[in-house]
Amino acid sequence: GNAIACLRLGNADAAASAESPCERLELDTVLPAPLAVEESTSGQRLPPVESARIVVSGGRGVNEQGFALLEELAERLDGSLGGSLPAVDAGMVPVVRQVGVSGKFVSPDIYLAVGISGTPQHLAGISPDTRIVAINKDPAADIFKVASVGVVGDWEQVLPELLRVVGEGRAAS
């Protein structure tokens, strides 16, 4: 025999004075063993990319060391980490953080695009209302056509400096 119990959340006093008194049922059967619950972690420290107000995203031009810096920056800015399809394909960032046509649509206040060329497939994943800040060593990269702020430079130089400035801002507040 199966045992099913339904509990309704609400005011305990109201439930106690309700018309239907509680009934005690005697079971003459052995209940099955409780299910084993396994706990696992996704390994994601940062919030989902879709709901973040600041998204720090990396592309083909960024390596593992760069993504470690991007993640650190995202954490300091209370933002989230994203990546382009090539970055996901290269194993730099998990697929749950992919921004673009074949990934997530994001609408943060600020989208920091580092080493991202700015293909239409990637830009389709970013809200038109989002302010894009681009860092790319190629001055002709398409991302600069849609960016509010553009920095032509190597992420190797720019990111550590950005982290230093953000770190100082955090210490002062």
C-alpha atoms as a PDB file:
ATOM      1  CA  GLY A   1       0.000   0.000   0.000  1.00  0.00           C
ATOM      2  CA  ASN A   2       1.131   3.510  -0.830  1.00  0.00           C
ATOM      3  CA  ALA A   3       1.029   6.261   1.753  1.00  0.00           C
ATOM      4  CA  ILE A   4       0.499   9.820   0.559  1.00  0.00           C
ATOM      5  CA  ALA A   5       0.333  12.800   2.867  1.00  0.00           C
ATOM      6  CA  CYS A   6      -0.723  16.247   1.687  1.00  0.00           C
ATOM      7  CA  LEU A   7       0.113  19.208   3.877  1.00  0.00           C
ATOM      8  CA  ARG A   8      -1.237  22.682   3.283  1.00  0.00           C
ATOM      9  CA  LEU A   9       0.901  25.618   4.350  1.00  0.00           C
ATOM     10  CA  GLY A  10      -0.843  28.382   6.208  1.00  0.00           C
ATOM     11  CA  ASN A  11      -1.828  29.645   9.623  1.00  0.00           C
ATOM     12  CA  ALA A  12      -1.393  26.830  12.166  1.00  0.00           C
ATOM     13  CA  ASP A  13      -3.972  28.302  14.611  1.00  0.00           C
ATOM     14  CA  ALA A  14      -6.581  28.560  11.876  1.00  0.00           C
ATOM     15  CA  ALA A  15      -5.865  24.991  10.816  1.00  0.00           C
ATOM     16  CA  ALA A  16      -6.211  23.731  14.419  1.00  0.00           C
ATOM     17  CA  SER A  17      -9.635  25.334  14.852  1.00  0.00           C
ATOM     18  CA  ALA A  18     -10.820  24.180  11.427  1.00  0.00           C
ATOM     19  CA  GLU A  19     -13.872  21.952  11.076  1.00  0.00           C
ATOM     20  CA  SER A  20     -11.916  18.869   9.983  1.00  0.00           C
ATOM     21  CA  PRO A  21     -10.016  17.449  12.956  1.00  0.00           C
ATOM     22  CA  CYS A  22      -6.672  15.762  12.438  1.00  0.00           C
ATOM     23  CA  GLU A  23      -6.898  12.031  12.105  1.00  0.00           C
ATOM     24  CA  ARG A  24      -4.322   9.479  13.119  1.00  0.00           C
ATOM     25  CA  LEU A  25      -3.906   6.606  10.663  1.00  0.00           C
ATOM     26  CA  GLU A  26      -2.276   3.343  11.631  1.00  0.00           C
ATOM     27  CA  LEU A  27      -0.180   1.826   8.854  1.00  0.00           C
ATOM     28  CA  ASP A  28       0.258  -1.911   8.810  1.00  0.00           C
ATOM     29  CA  THR A  29       2.785  -1.844   6.024  1.00  0.00           C
ATOM     30  CA  VAL A  30       6.514  -1.290   5.819  1.00  0.00           C
ATOM     31  CA  LEU A  31       7.315   1.990   4.130  1.00  0.00           C
ATOM     32  CA  PRO A  32      10.026   1.996   1.455  1.00  0.00           C
ATOM     33  CA  ALA A  33      13.475   3.201   2.388  1.00  0.00           C
ATOM     34  CA  PRO A  34      13.919   6.959   1.976  1.00  0.00           C
ATOM     35  CA  LEU A  35      15.411   8.066  -1.306  1.00  0.00           C
ATOM     36  CA  ALA A  36      19.080   8.865  -1.250  1.00  0.00           C
ATOM     37  CA  VAL A  37      19.578  12.511  -2.150  1.00  0.00           C
ATOM     38  CA  GLU A  38      22.808  13.377  -3.844  1.00  0.00           C
ATOM     39  CA  GLU A  39      24.099  16.902  -3.586  1.00  0.00           C
ATOM     40  CA  SER A  40      26.301  18.286  -6.309  1.00  0.00           C
ATOM     41  CA  THR A  41      27.532  21.703  -7.258  1.00  0.00           C
ATOM     42  CA  SER A  42      27.560  23.250 -10.728  1.00  0.00           C
ATOM     43  CA  GLY A  43      30.956  24.761  -9.975  1.00  0.00           C
ATOM     44  CA  GLN A  44      29.505  28.151 -10.937  1.00  0.00           C
ATOM     45  CA  ARG A  45      30.271  30.804  -8.319  1.00  0.00           C
ATOM     46  CA  LEU A  46      28.781  33.622 -10.339  1.00  0.00           C
ATOM     47  CA  PRO A  47      25.095  34.329 -10.993  1.00  0.00           C
ATOM     48  CA  PRO A  48      23.436  33.262 -14.261  1.00  0.00           C
ATOM     49  CA  VAL A  49      24.551  35.394 -17.191  1.00  0.00           C
ATOM     50  CA  GLU A  50      20.924  36.108 -18.251  1.00  0.00           C
ATOM     51  CA  SER A  51      20.048  37.992 -15.045  1.00  0.00           C
ATOM     52  CA  ALA A  52      23.256  39.943 -14.381  1.00  0.00           C
ATOM     53  CA  ARG A  53      23.407  43.755 -14.519  1.00  0.00           C
ATOM     54  CA  ILE A  54      27.050  43.599 -15.581  1.00  0.00           C
ATOM     55  CA  VAL A  55      28.367  40.882 -17.874  1.00  0.00           C
ATOM     56  CA  VAL A  56      32.100  40.455 -18.402  1.00  0.00           C
ATOM     57  CA  SER A  57      32.565  38.376 -21.523  1.00  0.00           C
ATOM     58  CA  GLY A  58      35.524  36.916 -23.365  1.00  0.00           C
ATOM     59  CA  GLY A  59      36.050  35.694 -26.897  1.00  0.00           C
ATOM     60  CA  ARG A  60      38.466  33.903 -29.173  1.00  0.00           C
ATOM     61  CA  GLY A  61      41.186  36.441 -28.341  1.00  0.00           C
ATOM     62  CA  VAL A  62      41.326  35.452 -24.658  1.00  0.00           C
ATOM     63  CA  ASN A  63      43.092  32.417 -23.163  1.00  0.00           C
ATOM     64  CA  GLU A  64      42.574  30.555 -19.842  1.00  0.00           C
ATOM     65  CA  GLN A  65      44.641  33.072 -17.904  1.00  0.00           C
ATOM     66  CA  GLY A  66      42.511  35.840 -19.408  1.00  0.00           C
ATOM     67  CA  PHE A  67      39.280  34.101 -18.422  1.00  0.00           C
ATOM     68  CA  ALA A  68      40.574  33.786 -14.848  1.00  0.00           C
ATOM     69  CA  LEU A  69      41.031  37.592 -14.848  1.00  0.00           C
ATOM     70  CA  LEU A  70      37.570  38.099 -16.406  1.00  0.00           C
ATOM     71  CA  GLU A  71      35.981  35.924 -13.715  1.00  0.00           C
ATOM     72  CA  GLU A  72      37.794  37.868 -10.994  1.00  0.00           C
ATOM     73  CA  LEU A  73      36.611  41.145 -12.540  1.00  0.00           C
ATOM     74  CA  ALA A  74      33.016  39.890 -12.813  1.00  0.00           C
ATOM     75  CA  GLU A  75      33.094  38.895  -9.150  1.00  0.00           C
ATOM     76  CA  ARG A  76      34.434  42.286  -8.030  1.00  0.00           C
ATOM     77  CA  LEU A  77      31.771  44.096 -10.075  1.00  0.00           C
ATOM     78  CA  ASP A  78      28.978  41.853  -8.703  1.00  0.00           C
ATOM     79  CA  GLY A  79      28.436  40.802 -12.287  1.00  0.00           C
ATOM     80  CA  SER A  80      28.584  37.585 -14.222  1.00  0.00           C
ATOM     81  CA  LEU A  81      30.899  35.885 -16.688  1.00  0.00           C
ATOM     82  CA  GLY A  82      29.993  35.243 -20.320  1.00  0.00           C
ATOM     83  CA  GLY A  83      31.713  34.037 -23.441  1.00  0.00           C
ATOM     84  CA  SER A  84      31.370  33.800 -27.190  1.00  0.00           C
ATOM     85  CA  LEU A  85      30.853  30.555 -29.115  1.00  0.00           C
ATOM     86  CA  PRO A  86      34.585  30.211 -29.988  1.00  0.00           C
ATOM     87  CA  ALA A  87      35.476  30.624 -26.298  1.00  0.00           C
ATOM     88  CA  VAL A  88      32.941  27.933 -25.352  1.00  0.00           C
ATOM     89  CA  ASP A  89      34.192  25.648 -28.152  1.00  0.00           C
ATOM     90  CA  ALA A  90      37.749  26.133 -26.866  1.00  0.00           C
ATOM     91  CA  GLY A  91      36.615  25.040 -23.385  1.00  0.00           C
ATOM     92  CA  MET A  92      37.406  28.412 -21.817  1.00  0.00           C
ATOM     93  CA  VAL A  93      33.906  28.991 -20.470  1.00  0.00           C
ATOM     94  CA  PRO A  94      30.955  26.615 -19.835  1.00  0.00           C
ATOM     95  CA  VAL A  95      28.134  26.467 -22.390  1.00  0.00           C
ATOM     96  CA  VAL A  96      25.653  27.834 -19.789  1.00  0.00           C
ATOM     97  CA  ARG A  97      27.568  31.118 -20.079  1.00  0.00           C
ATOM     98  CA  GLN A  98      27.537  31.355 -23.883  1.00  0.00           C
ATOM     99  CA  VAL A  99      26.086  34.588 -25.251  1.00  0.00           C
ATOM    100  CA  GLY A 100      24.681  34.738 -28.786  1.00  0.00           C
ATOM    101  CA  VAL A 101      22.235  33.172 -31.213  1.00  0.00           C
ATOM    102  CA  SER A 102      23.082  29.618 -30.102  1.00  0.00           C
ATOM    103  CA  GLY A 103      23.447  30.642 -26.434  1.00  0.00           C
ATOM    104  CA  LYS A 104      21.831  33.029 -23.979  1.00  0.00           C
ATOM    105  CA  PHE A 105      20.224  36.409 -24.579  1.00  0.00           C
ATOM    106  CA  VAL A 106      21.522  38.979 -22.100  1.00  0.00           C
ATOM    107  CA  SER A 107      20.328  42.485 -21.267  1.00  0.00           C
ATOM    108  CA  PRO A 108      22.753  43.863 -18.689  1.00  0.00           C
ATOM    109  CA  ASP A 109      23.383  47.570 -18.136  1.00  0.00           C
ATOM    110  CA  ILE A 110      26.995  47.035 -19.202  1.00  0.00           C
ATOM    111  CA  TYR A 111      28.492  44.303 -21.379  1.00  0.00           C
ATOM    112  CA  LEU A 112      32.283  44.203 -21.257  1.00  0.00           C
ATOM    113  CA  ALA A 113      33.421  42.428 -24.421  1.00  0.00           C
ATOM    114  CA  VAL A 114      37.067  41.356 -24.262  1.00  0.00           C
ATOM    115  CA  GLY A 115      38.709  39.785 -27.308  1.00  0.00           C
ATOM    116  CA  ILE A 116      35.299  39.499 -28.986  1.00  0.00           C
ATOM    117  CA  SER A 117      35.242  40.433 -32.674  1.00  0.00           C
ATOM    118  CA  GLY A 118      31.535  41.233 -32.714  1.00  0.00           C
ATOM    119  CA  THR A 119      29.924  38.803 -35.172  1.00  0.00           C
ATOM    120  CA  PRO A 120      26.186  39.321 -35.843  1.00  0.00           C
ATOM    121  CA  GLN A 121      25.592  35.884 -34.214  1.00  0.00           C
ATOM    122  CA  HIS A 122      27.174  37.086 -30.969  1.00  0.00           C
ATOM    123  CA  LEU A 123      25.641  40.567 -30.990  1.00  0.00           C
ATOM    124  CA  ALA A 124      22.177  39.019 -31.478  1.00  0.00           C
ATOM    125  CA  GLY A 125      22.509  37.721 -27.918  1.00  0.00           C
ATOM    126  CA  ILE A 126      22.930  41.216 -26.444  1.00  0.00           C
ATOM    127  CA  SER A 127      20.047  43.622 -25.859  1.00  0.00           C
ATOM    128  CA  PRO A 128      20.157  46.775 -28.028  1.00  0.00           C
ATOM    129  CA  ASP A 129      19.681  48.778 -24.792  1.00  0.00           C
ATOM    130  CA  THR A 130      22.916  47.430 -23.300  1.00  0.00           C
ATOM    131  CA  ARG A 131      26.000  49.662 -23.244  1.00  0.00           C
ATOM    132  CA  ILE A 132      28.896  47.698 -24.708  1.00  0.00           C
ATOM    133  CA  VAL A 133      32.437  48.354 -23.541  1.00  0.00           C
ATOM    134  CA  ALA A 134      34.903  46.674 -25.904  1.00  0.00           C
ATOM    135  CA  ILE A 135      38.547  45.776 -25.441  1.00  0.00           C
ATOM    136  CA  ASN A 136      40.195  44.403 -28.582  1.00  0.00           C
ATOM    137  CA  LYS A 137      43.665  44.647 -30.058  1.00  0.00           C
ATOM    138  CA  ASP A 138      42.214  44.880 -33.590  1.00  0.00           C
ATOM    139  CA  PRO A 139      41.104  48.476 -34.241  1.00  0.00           C
ATOM    140  CA  ALA A 140      38.995  47.251 -37.172  1.00  0.00           C
ATOM    141  CA  ALA A 141      36.983  44.729 -35.078  1.00  0.00           C
ATOM    142  CA  ASP A 142      33.228  45.000 -35.734  1.00  0.00           C
ATOM    143  CA  ILE A 143      32.546  45.193 -31.981  1.00  0.00           C
ATOM    144  CA  PHE A 144      33.776  48.808 -32.021  1.00  0.00           C
ATOM    145  CA  LYS A 145      30.890  49.771 -34.369  1.00  0.00           C
ATOM    146  CA  VAL A 146      28.372  48.975 -31.615  1.00  0.00           C
ATOM    147  CA  ALA A 147      30.430  49.785 -28.506  1.00  0.00           C
ATOM    148  CA  SER A 148      29.714  52.859 -26.353  1.00  0.00           C
ATOM    149  CA  VAL A 149      33.325  52.726 -25.173  1.00  0.00           C
ATOM    150  CA  GLY A 150      36.177  51.097 -27.058  1.00  0.00           C
ATOM    151  CA  VAL A 151      39.716  50.345 -25.930  1.00  0.00           C
ATOM    152  CA  VAL A 152      42.192  49.233 -28.592  1.00  0.00           C
ATOM    153  CA  GLY A 153      44.741  47.172 -26.729  1.00  0.00           C
ATOM    154  CA  ASP A 154      45.857  43.778 -25.481  1.00  0.00           C
ATOM    155  CA  TRP A 155      43.769  42.307 -22.681  1.00  0.00           C
ATOM    156  CA  GLU A 156      47.098  41.239 -21.101  1.00  0.00           C
ATOM    157  CA  GLN A 157      47.785  44.925 -20.392  1.00  0.00           C
ATOM    158  CA  VAL A 158      44.249  46.254 -19.941  1.00  0.00           C
ATOM    159  CA  LEU A 159      42.675  43.637 -17.629  1.00  0.00           C
ATOM    160  CA  PRO A 160      45.269  43.725 -14.813  1.00  0.00           C
ATOM    161  CA  GLU A 161      45.026  47.527 -14.817  1.00  0.00           C
ATOM    162  CA  LEU A 162      41.217  47.359 -14.776  1.00  0.00           C
ATOM    163  CA  LEU A 163      41.323  44.890 -11.866  1.00  0.00           C
ATOM    164  CA  ARG A 164      43.695  47.182  -9.979  1.00  0.00           C
ATOM    165  CA  VAL A 165      41.385  50.192 -10.445  1.00  0.00           C
ATOM    166  CA  VAL A 166      38.248  48.207  -9.515  1.00  0.00           C
ATOM    167  CA  GLY A 167      40.078  46.792  -6.483  1.00  0.00           C
ATOM    168  CA  GLU A 168      40.975  50.302  -5.318  1.00  0.00           C
ATOM    169  CA  GLY A 169      37.410  51.491  -5.855  1.00  0.00           C
ATOM    170  CA  ARG A 170      36.140  48.606  -3.752  1.00  0.00           C
ATOM    171  CA  ALA A 171      38.631  49.323  -0.933  1.00  0.00           C
ATOM    172  CA  ALA A 172      37.579  52.981  -0.813  1.00  0.00           C
ATOM    173  CA  SER A 173      33.843  52.328  -0.602  1.00  0.00           C
END
